[in-house]
Protein backbone atom coordinates (compact mmCIF):
# COMPACT_ATOMS: atom_id res chain seq x y z
CA MET A 1 -31.54 -38.91 3.48
CA TRP A 2 -31.42 -34.87 3.95
CA THR A 3 -34.87 -33.66 4.39
CA ALA A 4 -36.44 -29.57 5.31
CA SER A 5 -39.62 -31.46 7.40
CA PRO A 6 -38.86 -30.37 10.86
CA GLU A 7 -40.13 -33.59 11.98
CA ASP A 8 -37.28 -35.31 10.13
CA GLN A 9 -34.40 -33.36 11.86
CA ALA A 10 -35.73 -33.15 15.23
CA GLY A 11 -33.04 -35.43 16.47
CA ASN A 12 -30.06 -34.14 14.19
CA PRO A 13 -27.62 -31.32 16.12
CA LEU A 14 -26.85 -30.14 13.13
CA PRO A 15 -29.86 -27.67 12.39
CA SER A 16 -29.66 -25.91 15.69
CA MET A 17 -25.97 -25.46 15.56
CA THR A 18 -26.36 -23.82 11.41
CA ALA A 19 -29.53 -21.87 12.29
CA LYS A 20 -27.04 -19.40 14.65
CA LEU A 21 -25.47 -18.72 12.02
CA ASN A 22 -26.48 -16.18 9.43
CA PRO A 23 -24.88 -15.67 5.67
CA TRP A 24 -26.10 -12.02 4.99
CA THR A 25 -24.52 -10.34 8.36
CA VAL A 26 -20.73 -10.17 8.91
CA ASN A 27 -18.87 -10.31 11.81
CA SER A 28 -15.25 -10.49 12.59
CA ASP A 29 -14.37 -13.46 11.71
CA ASP A 30 -16.06 -13.24 8.39
CA ILE A 31 -12.20 -10.97 7.95
CA LEU A 32 -10.33 -14.20 8.77
CA ASP A 33 -10.21 -15.99 5.51
CA ALA A 34 -7.73 -17.69 3.60
CA ARG A 35 -5.75 -14.97 3.18
CA LEU A 36 -4.21 -15.65 6.68
CA ASP A 37 -1.75 -18.22 5.35
CA LYS A 38 -0.19 -15.16 3.45
CA LEU A 39 0.16 -12.68 6.15
CA LYS A 40 1.28 -15.53 8.75
CA GLU A 41 4.92 -14.34 8.27
CA GLY A 42 6.38 -10.86 7.70
CA PRO A 43 5.74 -7.45 9.20
CA LEU A 44 2.09 -7.32 8.90
CA ALA A 45 1.56 -10.69 10.48
CA TRP A 46 -0.10 -9.14 13.31
CA LEU A 47 -2.59 -7.53 10.86
CA MET A 48 -4.82 -10.73 11.28
CA LYS A 49 -4.70 -11.47 14.88
CA LYS A 50 -8.07 -11.48 16.73
CA GLU A 51 -7.06 -8.72 19.07
CA PHE A 52 -6.27 -6.42 16.15
CA CYS A 53 -9.03 -7.27 13.31
CA LEU A 54 -11.96 -6.14 15.70
CA GLN A 55 -10.42 -2.85 15.41
CA PHE A 56 -10.30 -2.37 12.02
CA THR A 57 -14.36 -2.44 11.75
CA THR A 58 -14.06 1.42 12.92
CA HIS A 59 -9.90 2.36 12.04
CA HIS A 60 -7.82 2.14 8.83
CA VAL A 61 -4.40 0.77 9.37
CA MET A 62 -1.90 3.17 7.67
CA LEU A 63 1.33 1.50 6.09
CA LYS A 64 4.52 2.47 4.04
CA VAL A 65 4.78 0.98 0.76
CA SER A 66 8.07 -0.69 -0.45
CA PRO A 67 10.09 0.94 -3.63
CA SER A 68 9.51 -2.25 -5.39
CA PHE A 69 5.86 -1.69 -5.56
CA MET A 70 4.82 0.04 -8.82
CA GLY A 71 8.40 1.37 -9.61
CA GLY A 72 8.89 3.22 -6.09
CA ARG A 73 5.69 5.63 -7.07
CA LEU A 74 4.48 5.30 -3.53
CA HIS A 75 7.89 4.80 -1.53
CA ASN A 76 6.79 7.95 0.30
CA ARG A 77 3.53 7.98 1.17
CA PHE A 78 1.10 6.24 3.44
CA VAL A 79 -1.54 3.87 2.39
CA SER A 80 -4.56 3.11 4.29
CA THR A 81 -6.49 -0.02 4.42
CA ALA A 82 -10.15 -0.32 3.48
CA CYS A 83 -12.66 -0.26 6.13
CA PRO A 84 -14.19 -2.58 7.27
CA ASP A 85 -12.56 -5.64 5.51
CA PRO A 86 -8.92 -4.80 4.67
CA PHE A 87 -9.49 -7.38 1.87
CA PHE A 88 -12.09 -5.65 -0.09
CA GLY A 89 -12.33 -1.97 -1.09
CA PRO A 90 -14.10 -0.13 -3.73
CA ASN A 91 -12.07 -1.60 -6.74
CA GLY A 92 -13.61 -5.06 -5.67
CA PRO A 93 -11.60 -7.74 -3.77
CA ALA A 94 -7.89 -7.97 -3.40
CA PRO A 95 -6.36 -10.61 -5.10
CA GLU A 96 -4.73 -13.43 -2.40
CA GLY A 97 -1.68 -12.25 -0.58
CA CYS A 98 -3.14 -8.70 -1.28
CA LEU A 99 -4.65 -5.81 0.80
CA ALA A 100 -6.77 -3.36 -0.62
CA VAL A 101 -5.55 0.02 0.37
CA SER A 102 -5.84 3.74 -1.35
CA CYS A 103 -4.64 6.82 -0.88
CA SER A 104 -4.95 10.20 -2.28
CA SER A 105 -3.43 10.88 -5.76
CA SER A 106 -0.53 13.57 -6.23
CA SER A 107 -1.66 15.09 -9.11
CA ALA A 108 -3.64 18.10 -9.08
CA GLY A 109 -7.36 17.50 -7.14
CA ALA A 110 -5.53 15.11 -5.42
CA ALA A 111 -8.35 11.77 -6.27
CA ILE A 112 -8.32 8.83 -4.41
CA GLN A 113 -6.63 6.48 -5.56
CA HIS A 114 -7.73 2.29 -4.76
CA TYR A 115 -4.66 -0.05 -4.86
CA HIS A 116 -4.46 -3.77 -4.46
CA ILE A 117 -1.11 -3.99 -2.87
CA PRO A 118 1.14 -7.56 -1.90
CA VAL A 119 1.44 -7.66 1.64
CA THR A 120 5.15 -8.52 0.97
CA ASP A 121 5.31 -4.72 -0.48
CA LEU A 122 3.81 -2.96 2.92
CA SER A 123 5.29 -2.31 6.28
CA PRO A 124 3.59 -0.55 9.57
CA ALA A 125 3.82 3.15 9.45
CA PRO A 126 4.89 5.14 12.00
CA PRO A 127 2.86 8.03 13.49
CA ARG A 128 4.46 11.53 13.11
CA LYS A 129 3.49 13.93 15.69
CA LYS A 130 1.46 14.35 18.75
CA ASN A 131 -2.23 13.97 18.91
CA GLN A 132 -2.60 10.65 15.88
CA GLN A 133 -4.01 7.50 16.77
CA CYS A 134 -1.56 4.64 16.50
CA ILE A 135 -2.68 0.71 17.57
CA VAL A 136 0.17 -1.45 20.35
CA LEU A 137 1.12 -4.32 18.07
CA HIS A 138 3.44 -6.09 21.24
CA GLY A 139 3.40 -6.32 24.88
CA ASN A 140 0.92 -5.81 27.62
CA HIS A 141 -1.24 -3.65 25.48
CA ARG A 142 -1.44 -5.11 22.16
CA GLY A 143 -4.34 -4.16 19.93
CA SER A 144 -4.90 -0.77 21.96
CA ILE A 145 -5.46 1.76 20.03
CA CYS A 146 -4.14 4.99 22.16
CA ASN A 147 -3.56 8.85 21.50
CA VAL A 148 0.15 9.69 20.76
CA LEU A 149 1.25 12.16 23.49
CA LYS A 150 4.69 12.95 22.07
CA CYS A 151 6.14 11.85 19.01
CA ASN A 152 10.26 11.63 18.97
CA VAL A 153 11.11 11.04 15.21
CA LYS A 154 14.86 11.19 15.81
CA LYS A 155 14.76 8.45 18.46
CA ASN A 156 11.84 6.31 16.59
CA THR A 157 10.15 6.27 19.84
CA VAL A 158 6.00 7.90 20.94
CA ASP A 159 5.18 8.40 24.62
CA ILE A 160 1.20 7.07 24.67
CA ALA A 161 -1.39 7.29 26.91
CA ILE A 162 -2.91 3.95 28.29
CA ALA A 163 -5.99 4.99 30.71
CA SER A 164 -3.94 7.22 33.30
CA THR A 165 -0.09 5.51 32.55
CA VAL A 166 1.90 7.28 29.62
CA ILE A 167 4.40 4.51 27.99
CA ASN A 168 7.60 5.13 25.77
CA LEU A 169 7.08 2.96 22.69
CA ARG A 170 9.58 2.15 19.93
CA PHE A 171 8.09 2.76 16.42
CA ASP A 172 8.34 -1.12 15.26
CA GLN A 173 5.81 -1.42 18.50
CA ILE A 174 3.23 0.18 17.11
CA CYS A 175 1.01 1.25 13.44
CA LEU A 176 -0.14 4.70 13.41
CA VAL A 177 -4.19 4.22 12.69
CA GLU A 178 -7.49 6.31 11.71
CA GLN A 179 -10.77 6.68 12.73
CA SER A 180 -12.99 5.67 9.65
CA ARG A 181 -15.04 8.92 8.68
CA THR A 182 -18.14 6.50 8.43
CA THR A 183 -17.79 5.33 11.96
CA MET A 184 -17.03 9.07 13.49
């Protein structure tokens, strides 16, 4: 029988374990939820790995949208994930299998528009010029956010600085990120 009396719970290890959990705070484990299954395969599988999740509390991931989404209206534009949780944006929680993203409208005034886009319609966006930031997706430095020193769009490669070393990577090994304005 369950009781709230501390004397009755003294021999039960469960209250000491649950006492450390605080349902009113958000941590990196909260980002990893049931939507993980939808991201295990495909171009965004890396998005839910622990070495990346912590970075997305302070950085927006920039993504390309496939031509099949909304009849291709967002095809030539980059969208950015919601921050600190890529599954919850200003228009609420994203449906299962989707990310909460935003981009500026293409009409006059350039208002910010918010979308829930299926992960199957998104892929990592490459940098386009030097002094942008990207996150390394593969290799020894995976999960590191680095500055682009040189960007070669024709060869689809970038030179990035990690510590005092310059590394050349292909576009499929990185993804463009932007620091969240709320953490600057």
